């Protein structure tokens, strides 16, 4: 029973830390880049799978904000800038994939 309580406290602490950082940074684009880098770095790292899961699932999901991303895209749509929407959406996705790959490469070298 004690192990479950420790795990839940760890999950709460990591989620709280991610939420605090999210509130402090307050920039959806920058947050998505940081999370993509962390995700890519951890995928390749030699950290135990349990710890990877905790960081990827609880930290990254609390740190990133899908709703902030969707709201940003909604604002562009509501202004009628469909071409801008197409370029931003592709730019954001491609850039996040590149940043994730850079995290992957860095983790490989360490």
Protein backbone atom coordinates (compact mmCIF):
# COMPACT_ATOMS: atom_id res chain seq x y z
CA UNK A 1 0.00 0.00 0.00
CA UNK A 2 2.85 2.41 0.80
CA UNK A 3 4.32 2.01 -2.70
CA UNK A 4 1.04 3.10 -4.25
CA UNK A 5 0.90 6.18 -2.06
CA UNK A 6 4.50 7.10 -2.97
CA UNK A 7 3.73 6.65 -6.65
CA UNK A 8 0.65 8.88 -6.41
CA UNK A 9 2.60 11.54 -4.53
CA UNK A 10 5.31 11.41 -7.20
CA UNK A 11 2.71 11.74 -9.95
CA UNK A 12 1.10 14.69 -8.17
CA UNK A 13 4.46 16.38 -7.65
CA UNK A 14 5.54 15.94 -11.28
CA UNK A 15 2.16 17.12 -12.58
CA UNK A 16 2.25 20.11 -10.24
CA UNK A 17 5.77 21.00 -11.38
CA UNK A 18 4.74 20.81 -15.03
CA UNK A 19 1.63 22.90 -14.41
CA UNK A 20 3.68 25.51 -12.52
CA UNK A 21 6.20 25.72 -15.38
CA UNK A 22 3.32 25.98 -17.85
CA UNK A 23 1.83 28.87 -15.94
CA UNK A 24 5.22 30.56 -15.59
CA UNK A 25 6.18 30.30 -19.27
CA UNK A 26 2.70 31.14 -20.68
CA UNK A 27 3.63 30.68 -24.36
CA UNK A 28 1.97 27.77 -26.19
CA UNK A 29 4.48 27.72 -29.03
CA UNK A 30 7.53 27.66 -26.76
CA UNK A 31 5.95 25.06 -24.50
CA UNK A 32 5.23 22.76 -27.43
CA UNK A 33 8.85 23.03 -28.58
CA UNK A 34 10.21 22.29 -25.10
CA UNK A 35 7.88 19.31 -24.68
CA UNK A 36 8.80 17.95 -28.12
CA UNK A 37 12.48 18.16 -27.22
CA UNK A 38 11.92 16.42 -23.87
CA UNK A 39 9.85 13.73 -25.56
CA UNK A 40 12.50 13.06 -28.22
CA UNK A 41 15.28 13.10 -25.66
CA UNK A 42 13.55 10.63 -23.35
CA UNK A 43 12.54 8.21 -26.09
CA UNK A 44 16.19 7.49 -26.86
CA UNK A 45 17.60 7.88 -23.34
CA UNK A 46 18.73 5.04 -21.15
CA UNK A 47 16.36 5.98 -18.34
CA UNK A 48 14.29 3.09 -17.00
CA UNK A 49 10.96 2.62 -18.79
CA UNK A 50 9.02 3.28 -15.58
CA UNK A 51 10.67 6.67 -15.16
CA UNK A 52 10.22 7.50 -18.85
CA UNK A 53 6.54 6.75 -18.54
CA UNK A 54 6.17 8.98 -15.50
CA UNK A 55 7.94 11.90 -17.17
CA UNK A 56 6.36 11.50 -20.60
CA UNK A 57 2.82 10.86 -19.45
CA UNK A 58 2.50 12.96 -16.33
CA UNK A 59 4.96 15.79 -16.96
CA UNK A 60 4.45 16.32 -20.69
CA UNK A 61 0.67 15.98 -20.56
CA UNK A 62 0.44 18.49 -17.72
CA UNK A 63 2.99 20.79 -19.35
CA UNK A 64 1.56 20.99 -22.86
CA UNK A 65 -1.81 22.36 -23.76
CA UNK A 66 -3.74 21.02 -26.68
CA UNK A 67 -6.57 23.42 -25.89
CA UNK A 68 -4.23 26.40 -26.19
CA UNK A 69 -3.06 25.15 -29.58
CA UNK A 70 -6.64 24.67 -30.79
CA UNK A 71 -7.69 28.10 -29.52
CA UNK A 72 -4.80 29.69 -31.43
CA UNK A 73 -5.91 27.93 -34.63
CA UNK A 74 -9.55 28.87 -33.97
CA UNK A 75 -8.61 32.54 -33.79
CA UNK A 76 -6.99 32.31 -37.22
CA UNK A 77 -10.05 30.52 -38.65
CA UNK A 78 -12.48 33.04 -37.16
CA UNK A 79 -10.56 35.85 -38.87
CA UNK A 80 -10.90 34.03 -42.19
CA UNK A 81 -7.17 33.50 -42.76
CA UNK A 82 -7.37 29.96 -44.15
CA UNK A 83 -4.08 30.09 -46.01
CA UNK A 84 -2.37 31.39 -42.87
CA UNK A 85 -3.98 28.52 -40.95
CA UNK A 86 -2.59 26.00 -43.42
CA UNK A 87 0.95 27.39 -43.15
CA UNK A 88 0.91 27.81 -39.36
CA UNK A 89 -0.48 24.34 -38.79
CA UNK A 90 2.14 22.72 -41.01
CA UNK A 91 4.93 24.92 -39.66
CA UNK A 92 4.10 24.10 -36.04
CA UNK A 93 3.84 20.36 -36.65
CA UNK A 94 7.00 20.15 -38.76
CA UNK A 95 9.02 22.32 -36.38
CA UNK A 96 7.93 20.22 -33.39
CA UNK A 97 8.97 17.05 -35.22
CA UNK A 98 12.38 18.57 -35.98
CA UNK A 99 12.86 19.64 -32.36
CA UNK A 100 11.81 16.19 -31.19
CA UNK A 101 14.35 14.63 -33.52
CA UNK A 102 17.07 16.96 -32.20
CA UNK A 103 16.25 15.80 -28.66
CA UNK A 104 16.46 12.22 -29.91
CA UNK A 105 19.89 12.85 -31.47
CA UNK A 106 21.22 14.63 -28.39
CA UNK A 107 20.12 11.79 -26.15
CA UNK A 108 21.89 9.34 -28.43
CA UNK A 109 25.18 11.19 -28.05
CA UNK A 110 25.00 11.33 -24.27
